[in-house]
C-alpha atoms as a PDB file:
ATOM      1  CA  MET A   1      18.900  24.535  39.365  1.00  0.00           C
ATOM      2  CA  LYS A   2      22.451  23.445  40.446  1.00  0.00           C
ATOM      3  CA  ASN A   3      21.655  19.761  40.938  1.00  0.00           C
ATOM      4  CA  ALA A   4      19.093  19.841  37.854  1.00  0.00           C
ATOM      5  CA  ARG A   5      19.844  16.999  35.301  1.00  0.00           C
ATOM      6  CA  SER A   6      18.485  17.228  31.608  1.00  0.00           C
ATOM      7  CA  CYS A   7      16.770  14.277  29.989  1.00  0.00           C
ATOM      8  CA  VAL A   8      16.363  13.539  26.471  1.00  0.00           C
ATOM      9  CA  ILE A   9      13.578  11.402  25.067  1.00  0.00           C
ATOM     10  CA  GLY A  10      13.677  10.235  21.304  1.00  0.00           C
ATOM     11  CA  ILE A  11      10.786   8.387  19.765  1.00  0.00           C
ATOM     12  CA  SER A  12      11.321   6.828  16.379  1.00  0.00           C
ATOM     13  CA  ASN A  13       9.825   3.939  14.370  1.00  0.00           C
ATOM     14  CA  ASP A  14      13.354   3.089  13.545  1.00  0.00           C
ATOM     15  CA  LEU A  15      15.255   1.229  16.041  1.00  0.00           C
ATOM     16  CA  LYS A  16      18.496   1.930  14.265  1.00  0.00           C
ATOM     17  CA  PHE A  17      18.316   5.596  14.199  1.00  0.00           C
ATOM     18  CA  THR A  18      20.845   6.026  16.888  1.00  0.00           C
ATOM     19  CA  GLU A  19      23.662   4.352  14.724  1.00  0.00           C
ATOM     20  CA  PHE A  20      23.336   7.541  12.653  1.00  0.00           C
ATOM     21  CA  LEU A  21      24.364   9.736  15.642  1.00  0.00           C
ATOM     22  CA  ASP A  22      28.176  11.083  16.224  1.00  0.00           C
ATOM     23  CA  PRO A  23      29.790   8.511  18.327  1.00  0.00           C
ATOM     24  CA  ARG A  24      30.489  11.090  20.870  1.00  0.00           C
ATOM     25  CA  VAL A  25      26.766  11.679  21.193  1.00  0.00           C
ATOM     26  CA  ARG A  26      26.038   7.805  21.518  1.00  0.00           C
ATOM     27  CA  SER A  27      28.600   7.305  24.097  1.00  0.00           C
ATOM     28  CA  ARG A  28      27.236  10.235  26.472  1.00  0.00           C
ATOM     29  CA  LEU A  29      23.371   9.053  26.002  1.00  0.00           C
ATOM     30  CA  GLY A  30      23.361   6.595  28.543  1.00  0.00           C
ATOM     31  CA  GLN A  31      20.744   5.112  26.339  1.00  0.00           C
ATOM     32  CA  LEU A  32      17.668   3.062  27.655  1.00  0.00           C
ATOM     33  CA  ASP A  33      15.523   1.364  24.930  1.00  0.00           C
ATOM     34  CA  VAL A  34      11.908   1.207  25.351  1.00  0.00           C
ATOM     35  CA  ILE A  35      10.229  -0.836  22.844  1.00  0.00           C
ATOM     36  CA  PHE A  36       6.426  -0.758  22.441  1.00  0.00           C
ATOM     37  CA  ASN A  37       5.275  -3.835  20.561  1.00  0.00           C
ATOM     38  CA  PRO A  38       2.177  -3.655  18.229  1.00  0.00           C
ATOM     39  CA  TYR A  39      -1.190  -4.463  19.777  1.00  0.00           C
ATOM     40  CA  ASP A  40      -2.296  -8.032  19.282  1.00  0.00           C
ATOM     41  CA  ALA A  41      -5.735  -8.929  18.462  1.00  0.00           C
ATOM     42  CA  SER A  42      -6.736  -9.445  22.064  1.00  0.00           C
ATOM     43  CA  GLN A  43      -5.499  -6.000  23.216  1.00  0.00           C
ATOM     44  CA  LEU A  44      -7.311  -4.202  20.318  1.00  0.00           C
ATOM     45  CA  GLN A  45     -10.542  -5.849  21.111  1.00  0.00           C
ATOM     46  CA  ASP A  46     -10.298  -4.527  24.466  1.00  0.00           C
ATOM     47  CA  ILE A  47      -9.586  -1.160  23.138  1.00  0.00           C
ATOM     48  CA  LEU A  48     -12.563  -1.208  20.778  1.00  0.00           C
ATOM     49  CA  ARG A  49     -15.042  -2.402  23.303  1.00  0.00           C
ATOM     50  CA  GLN A  50     -14.103   0.364  25.601  1.00  0.00           C
ATOM     51  CA  ARG A  51     -14.592   3.086  22.572  1.00  0.00           C
ATOM     52  CA  ALA A  52     -17.845   1.182  21.491  1.00  0.00           C
ATOM     53  CA  ALA A  53     -19.179   1.358  24.834  1.00  0.00           C
ATOM     54  CA  ALA A  54     -18.810   5.162  24.878  1.00  0.00           C
ATOM     55  CA  SER A  55     -19.920   5.817  21.549  1.00  0.00           C
ATOM     56  CA  ILE A  56     -22.236   3.347  19.895  1.00  0.00           C
ATOM     57  CA  LYS A  57     -25.552   2.164  21.125  1.00  0.00           C
ATOM     58  CA  GLU A  58     -25.692  -1.340  22.847  1.00  0.00           C
ATOM     59  CA  GLY A  59     -26.878  -3.826  20.400  1.00  0.00           C
ATOM     60  CA  VAL A  60     -25.857  -2.158  17.315  1.00  0.00           C
ATOM     61  CA  LEU A  61     -22.512  -4.226  16.993  1.00  0.00           C
ATOM     62  CA  LYS A  62     -23.521  -7.984  15.727  1.00  0.00           C
ATOM     63  CA  GLU A  63     -21.672 -10.629  17.578  1.00  0.00           C
ATOM     64  CA  GLY A  64     -18.163 -10.926  15.696  1.00  0.00           C
ATOM     65  CA  VAL A  65     -17.767  -7.088  14.454  1.00  0.00           C
ATOM     66  CA  ILE A  66     -15.199  -6.102  17.053  1.00  0.00           C
ATOM     67  CA  GLN A  67     -13.360  -9.581  16.927  1.00  0.00           C
ATOM     68  CA  LEU A  68     -13.282  -9.007  13.089  1.00  0.00           C
ATOM     69  CA  CYS A  69     -12.107  -5.506  13.200  1.00  0.00           C
ATOM     70  CA  SER A  70      -9.215  -6.476  15.619  1.00  0.00           C
ATOM     71  CA  ALA A  71      -8.131  -9.483  13.984  1.00  0.00           C
ATOM     72  CA  LEU A  72      -7.855  -7.441  10.616  1.00  0.00           C
ATOM     73  CA  ALA A  73      -5.830  -4.790  12.326  1.00  0.00           C
ATOM     74  CA  ALA A  74      -3.577  -7.148  14.077  1.00  0.00           C
ATOM     75  CA  GLN A  75      -2.827  -9.177  10.930  1.00  0.00           C
ATOM     76  CA  GLU A  76      -1.612  -6.079   9.005  1.00  0.00           C
ATOM     77  CA  HIS A  77      -0.262  -3.474  11.520  1.00  0.00           C
ATOM     78  CA  GLY A  78      -1.253  -4.092  15.068  1.00  0.00           C
ATOM     79  CA  ASP A  79      -2.223  -0.134  15.141  1.00  0.00           C
ATOM     80  CA  ALA A  80      -5.104   0.821  17.407  1.00  0.00           C
ATOM     81  CA  ARG A  81      -6.104   3.974  15.287  1.00  0.00           C
ATOM     82  CA  CYS A  82      -6.494   1.572  12.121  1.00  0.00           C
ATOM     83  CA  ALA A  83      -8.728  -0.641  14.060  1.00  0.00           C
ATOM     84  CA  LEU A  84     -10.900   2.129  15.317  1.00  0.00           C
ATOM     85  CA  GLU A  85     -10.943   3.631  12.069  1.00  0.00           C
ATOM     86  CA  LEU A  86     -12.167   0.134  10.369  1.00  0.00           C
ATOM     87  CA  LEU A  87     -14.954  -0.104  13.245  1.00  0.00           C
ATOM     88  CA  ARG A  88     -16.038   3.713  12.218  1.00  0.00           C
ATOM     89  CA  VAL A  89     -16.386   3.039   8.653  1.00  0.00           C
ATOM     90  CA  SER A  90     -18.156  -0.106   9.279  1.00  0.00           C
ATOM     91  CA  THR A  91     -20.738   1.695  11.366  1.00  0.00           C
ATOM     92  CA  GLU A  92     -21.029   4.177   8.303  1.00  0.00           C
ATOM     93  CA  LYS A  93     -21.565   1.613   5.976  1.00  0.00           C
ATOM     94  CA  ALA A  94     -24.413   0.251   7.931  1.00  0.00           C
ATOM     95  CA  ASP A  95     -25.823   3.488   8.292  1.00  0.00           C
ATOM     96  CA  GLU A  96     -25.721   4.151   4.487  1.00  0.00           C
ATOM     97  CA  GLU A  97     -27.708   0.862   4.021  1.00  0.00           C
ATOM     98  CA  GLY A  98     -30.393   2.169   6.521  1.00  0.00           C
ATOM     99  CA  LYS A  99     -29.603  -0.657   8.955  1.00  0.00           C
ATOM    100  CA  ASN A 100     -29.688  -0.456  12.624  1.00  0.00           C
ATOM    101  CA  THR A 101     -26.985  -2.966  13.205  1.00  0.00           C
ATOM    102  CA  VAL A 102     -23.441  -3.599  12.019  1.00  0.00           C
ATOM    103  CA  MET A 103     -22.709  -6.920  10.610  1.00  0.00           C
ATOM    104  CA  LEU A 104     -19.704  -8.738   9.505  1.00  0.00           C
ATOM    105  CA  LYS A 105     -20.140  -7.764   5.628  1.00  0.00           C
ATOM    106  CA  HIS A 106     -20.229  -4.127   6.749  1.00  0.00           C
ATOM    107  CA  VAL A 107     -16.546  -4.642   8.222  1.00  0.00           C
ATOM    108  CA  ARG A 108     -15.502  -6.156   4.863  1.00  0.00           C
ATOM    109  CA  ILE A 109     -17.151  -3.357   2.876  1.00  0.00           C
ATOM    110  CA  ALA A 110     -15.245  -1.042   4.976  1.00  0.00           C
ATOM    111  CA  GLN A 111     -12.129  -2.827   4.866  1.00  0.00           C
ATOM    112  CA  SER A 112     -12.195  -2.531   0.880  1.00  0.00           C
ATOM    113  CA  GLN A 113     -13.180   1.089   0.952  1.00  0.00           C
ATOM    114  CA  ILE A 114     -10.222   2.097   3.522  1.00  0.00           C
ATOM    115  CA  GLU A 115      -7.843   0.057   0.992  1.00  0.00           C
ATOM    116  CA  ALA A 116      -9.234   2.030  -1.991  1.00  0.00           C
ATOM    117  CA  ASP A 117      -8.908   5.653  -0.286  1.00  0.00           C
ATOM    118  CA  GLN A 118      -5.478   4.565   0.684  1.00  0.00           C
ATOM    119  CA  ILE A 119      -4.213   3.664  -2.674  1.00  0.00           C
ATOM    120  CA  THR A 120      -6.329   6.038  -5.329  1.00  0.00           C
ATOM    121  CA  PRO A 121      -4.270   9.081  -4.160  1.00  0.00           C
ATOM    122  CA  VAL A 122      -0.981   7.290  -4.637  1.00  0.00           C
ATOM    123  CA  ILE A 123      -1.875   6.209  -8.144  1.00  0.00           C
ATOM    124  CA  THR A 124      -3.216   9.642  -8.996  1.00  0.00           C
ATOM    125  CA  SER A 125      -0.044  11.617  -7.857  1.00  0.00           C
ATOM    126  CA  LEU A 126       2.291   9.361  -9.850  1.00  0.00           C
ATOM    127  CA  PRO A 127       4.430  11.187 -12.510  1.00  0.00           C
ATOM    128  CA  LYS A 128       3.299  10.706 -16.155  1.00  0.00           C
ATOM    129  CA  GLN A 129       6.131   8.258 -16.954  1.00  0.00           C
ATOM    130  CA  GLN A 130       5.524   6.407 -13.799  1.00  0.00           C
ATOM    131  CA  LYS A 131       1.957   5.833 -14.857  1.00  0.00           C
ATOM    132  CA  LEU A 132       2.835   4.678 -18.043  1.00  0.00           C
ATOM    133  CA  VAL A 133       5.154   2.044 -16.817  1.00  0.00           C
ATOM    134  CA  LEU A 134       2.236   1.132 -14.338  1.00  0.00           C
ATOM    135  CA  ALA A 135       0.131   0.754 -17.487  1.00  0.00           C
ATOM    136  CA  ALA A 136       2.496  -1.224 -19.226  1.00  0.00           C
ATOM    137  CA  ILE A 137       2.561  -4.014 -16.338  1.00  0.00           C
ATOM    138  CA  LEU A 138      -1.331  -4.044 -16.218  1.00  0.00           C
ATOM    139  CA  ILE A 139      -1.607  -4.612 -19.839  1.00  0.00           C
ATOM    140  CA  ASN A 140       0.879  -7.466 -19.662  1.00  0.00           C
ATOM    141  CA  GLU A 141      -1.524  -8.980 -16.763  1.00  0.00           C
ATOM    142  CA  LYS A 142      -4.572  -8.082 -19.016  1.00  0.00           C
ATOM    143  CA  TYR A 143      -2.941 -10.435 -21.743  1.00  0.00           C
ATOM    144  CA  GLY A 144      -2.457 -13.526 -18.868  1.00  0.00           C
ATOM    145  CA  LEU A 145       1.251 -12.705 -18.074  1.00  0.00           C
ATOM    146  CA  LYS A 146       2.261 -13.285 -14.655  1.00  0.00           C
ATOM    147  CA  ASN A 147       5.927 -12.679 -13.266  1.00  0.00           C
ATOM    148  CA  ILE A 148       6.576 -10.205 -16.066  1.00  0.00           C
ATOM    149  CA  GLU A 149      10.121  -9.401 -17.074  1.00  0.00           C
ATOM    150  CA  THR A 150      11.455  -6.174 -17.160  1.00  0.00           C
ATOM    151  CA  GLY A 151      12.083  -6.460 -21.100  1.00  0.00           C
ATOM    152  CA  GLN A 152       8.407  -7.248 -21.504  1.00  0.00           C
ATOM    153  CA  VAL A 153       7.618  -4.169 -19.428  1.00  0.00           C
ATOM    154  CA  GLN A 154       9.672  -2.163 -21.488  1.00  0.00           C
ATOM    155  CA  ASP A 155       8.510  -3.433 -24.773  1.00  0.00           C
ATOM    156  CA  ILE A 156       4.666  -2.606 -24.005  1.00  0.00           C
ATOM    157  CA  TYR A 157       5.684   0.819 -22.372  1.00  0.00           C
ATOM    158  CA  ALA A 158       7.363   1.923 -25.408  1.00  0.00           C
ATOM    159  CA  GLN A 159       4.048   1.070 -27.275  1.00  0.00           C
ATOM    160  CA  VAL A 160       2.217   3.081 -24.730  1.00  0.00           C
ATOM    161  CA  CYS A 161       4.205   5.926 -24.841  1.00  0.00           C
ATOM    162  CA  ALA A 162       3.564   6.000 -28.707  1.00  0.00           C
ATOM    163  CA  PHE A 163      -0.210   5.857 -28.172  1.00  0.00           C
ATOM    164  CA  VAL A 164      -0.026   8.662 -26.123  1.00  0.00           C
ATOM    165  CA  GLY A 165       2.348  10.787 -27.839  1.00  0.00           C
ATOM    166  CA  GLN A 166       5.387  10.654 -25.024  1.00  0.00           C
ATOM    167  CA  ASN A 167       8.850  10.002 -25.413  1.00  0.00           C
ATOM    168  CA  ALA A 168      10.119   6.441 -24.124  1.00  0.00           C
ATOM    169  CA  LEU A 169      12.586   6.613 -21.518  1.00  0.00           C
ATOM    170  CA  THR A 170      15.716   4.468 -21.655  1.00  0.00           C
ATOM    171  CA  GLN A 171      15.640   0.722 -19.946  1.00  0.00           C
ATOM    172  CA  ARG A 172      17.917   2.001 -17.094  1.00  0.00           C
ATOM    173  CA  ARG A 173      15.233   4.684 -16.381  1.00  0.00           C
ATOM    174  CA  VAL A 174      12.340   2.383 -16.901  1.00  0.00           C
ATOM    175  CA  ARG A 175      14.074  -0.001 -14.143  1.00  0.00           C
ATOM    176  CA  MET A 176      14.327   2.833 -11.920  1.00  0.00           C
ATOM    177  CA  LEU A 177      10.951   3.710 -12.097  1.00  0.00           C
ATOM    178  CA  ILE A 178       9.811  -0.038 -11.578  1.00  0.00           C
ATOM    179  CA  SER A 179      11.826   0.082  -8.358  1.00  0.00           C
ATOM    180  CA  ASN A 180       9.857   3.218  -7.134  1.00  0.00           C
ATOM    181  CA  LEU A 181       6.488   1.151  -8.158  1.00  0.00           C
ATOM    182  CA  ASP A 182       7.668  -1.426  -5.944  1.00  0.00           C
ATOM    183  CA  MET A 183       8.706   0.694  -2.986  1.00  0.00           C
ATOM    184  CA  LEU A 184       5.242   2.376  -3.188  1.00  0.00           C
ATOM    185  CA  GLY A 185       3.500  -0.974  -2.737  1.00  0.00           C
ATOM    186  CA  LEU A 186       1.823  -1.094  -6.110  1.00  0.00           C
ATOM    187  CA  ILE A 187       3.765  -3.965  -7.564  1.00  0.00           C
ATOM    188  CA  THR A 188       6.211  -6.660  -6.366  1.00  0.00           C
ATOM    189  CA  ALA A 189       9.464  -6.697  -8.441  1.00  0.00           C
ATOM    190  CA  ARG A 190      11.704 -10.135  -7.537  1.00  0.00           C
ATOM    191  CA  LEU A 191      15.359 -10.094  -8.799  1.00  0.00           C
ATOM    192  CA  ILE A 192      15.999 -13.602 -10.291  1.00  0.00           C
ATOM    193  CA  SER A 193      18.827 -14.684 -12.046  1.00  0.00           C
ATOM    194  CA  ARG A 194      18.580 -16.387 -15.684  1.00  0.00           C
ATOM    195  CA  GLY A 195      22.031 -17.744 -15.699  1.00  0.00           C
ATOM    196  CA  ARG A 196      24.034 -16.836 -18.800  1.00  0.00           C
ATOM    197  CA  LEU A 197      20.821 -14.678 -19.869  1.00  0.00           C
ATOM    198  CA  GLY A 198      21.888 -12.425 -16.749  1.00  0.00           C
ATOM    199  CA  ARG A 199      19.456 -11.228 -14.244  1.00  0.00           C
ATOM    200  CA  THR A 200      15.939  -9.865 -14.586  1.00  0.00           C
ATOM    201  CA  LYS A 201      12.969  -8.816 -12.323  1.00  0.00           C
ATOM    202  CA  GLU A 202       9.650 -10.749 -12.047  1.00  0.00           C
ATOM    203  CA  ILE A 203       7.234  -8.207 -11.723  1.00  0.00           C
ATOM    204  CA  ASN A 204       3.430  -8.321 -10.877  1.00  0.00           C
ATOM    205  CA  SER A 205       1.034  -5.669  -9.745  1.00  0.00           C
ATOM    206  CA  CYS A 206      -0.351  -5.999  -6.198  1.00  0.00           C
ATOM    207  CA  ILE A 207      -3.166  -3.539  -6.195  1.00  0.00           C
ATOM    208  CA  PRO A 208      -6.383  -4.429  -4.539  1.00  0.00           C
ATOM    209  CA  SER A 209      -9.269  -6.134  -6.698  1.00  0.00           C
ATOM    210  CA  ASN A 210     -11.538  -3.325  -5.860  1.00  0.00           C
ATOM    211  CA  VAL A 211      -9.408  -0.599  -7.387  1.00  0.00           C
ATOM    212  CA  ASP A 212      -9.201   0.213 -11.032  1.00  0.00           C
ATOM    213  CA  PRO A 213      -5.936   1.815 -11.460  1.00  0.00           C
ATOM    214  CA  MET A 214      -6.567   2.298 -15.315  1.00  0.00           C
ATOM    215  CA  ALA A 215      -9.634   4.483 -14.492  1.00  0.00           C
ATOM    216  CA  ILE A 216      -7.779   6.395 -11.824  1.00  0.00           C
ATOM    217  CA  MET A 217      -4.782   7.256 -14.282  1.00  0.00           C
ATOM    218  CA  GLY A 218      -7.155   8.057 -17.171  1.00  0.00           C
ATOM    219  CA  GLU A 219      -9.037  10.634 -14.725  1.00  0.00           C
ATOM    220  CA  ALA A 220      -5.738  12.179 -13.834  1.00  0.00           C
ATOM    221  CA  GLU A 221      -4.059  12.062 -17.439  1.00  0.00           C
ATOM    222  CA  PRO A 222      -7.069  11.926 -19.954  1.00  0.00           C
ATOM    223  CA  GLU A 223      -4.790  10.787 -22.782  1.00  0.00           C
ATOM    224  CA  MET A 224      -4.449   7.467 -20.985  1.00  0.00           C
ATOM    225  CA  LEU A 225      -8.002   6.602 -21.426  1.00  0.00           C
ATOM    226  CA  GLY A 226      -8.547   3.592 -23.760  1.00  0.00           C
ATOM    227  CA  VAL A 227      -5.012   2.830 -23.391  1.00  0.00           C
ATOM    228  CA  LEU A 228      -5.868  -0.758 -22.253  1.00  0.00           C
ATOM    229  CA  ASP A 229      -8.040  -1.441 -24.987  1.00  0.00           C
ATOM    230  CA  LYS A 230      -5.397  -0.758 -27.681  1.00  0.00           C
ATOM    231  CA  LYS A 231      -3.680  -3.803 -29.630  1.00  0.00           C
ATOM    232  CA  TYR A 232      -0.212  -4.440 -28.686  1.00  0.00           C
ATOM    233  CA  ARG A 233       2.477  -6.472 -29.916  1.00  0.00           C
ATOM    234  CA  HIS A 234       4.246  -8.797 -27.320  1.00  0.00           C
ATOM    235  CA  GLN A 235       7.819  -9.921 -26.826  1.00  0.00           C
ATOM    236  CA  THR A 236       8.111 -13.640 -26.683  1.00  0.00           C
ATOM    237  CA  ARG A 237       9.902 -14.907 -23.534  1.00  0.00           C
ATOM    238  CA  LEU A 238      12.930 -17.294 -24.205  1.00  0.00           C
END
C-alpha cells in the first residue's frame, strides 16, 4: 500500500457545508465540486416511462398521466422519487374506484392525498402552545382577515387559551412560535415596517385547502374541539 492514496467523497444538500470545516482541513481537501441539478420534466418523463413499462400494463395509463406527474414533480422539487410516488398513488386511486385506466383526475387526487399525508403528522406533533397559536391565526382568517398582524394573533390566542384553560405565553414567546410555524411551512410571516408604529409581521396560513387543521388539532388535543366556533373579540387594526 506504499503508493496508495485516500479519497474522501462528501455528499450534501448544502453547498456551503465546507465553509464550516477547519481552514486547515479545507486547504488539504483539493476540493472538486460535482453538482447534480434537479431533474427537469423531460428527464422525469423518461424515468417514469421506464418504470411504468416494467410495472404497469400497457394501456392502463391514459395519455398525459406521465406528463402531468412529471410536470408537477418538476415544478416543486425535481425529485424522481416524488414523481414515482405520485404515479404510484395515482394508480392506487384508480384501483380504489374500480377503474382499469389511470386518468388525469387520479393524478390530481393523488397529489392532494400526498400533500395531506405530509402535513397531517406535522400538525399533529406540534406542541400544544404552538397549536393554540396556529388556531388563533386560523380563527382570524375565519373572520375574513388576511395579512394578520402579530398583535391580532396575540389577542385571539389569549382568548383561545382562556377557552381551553391554558396560561397564555408572553408576546415575545408567541412571536417565536409564529416563526417556528413559518419555518415548518404552515404559515407565511412577512416582516413589514409601519413607520412610527414600528415593525410587525403579516401572517397568513398556507395549509392546503384539502387539509382541515382544526380537526387534526382537535383529534390530538380534545379540549381544542369547538374552539373555531367560539365567539371572539377582535382587535381593530389602526
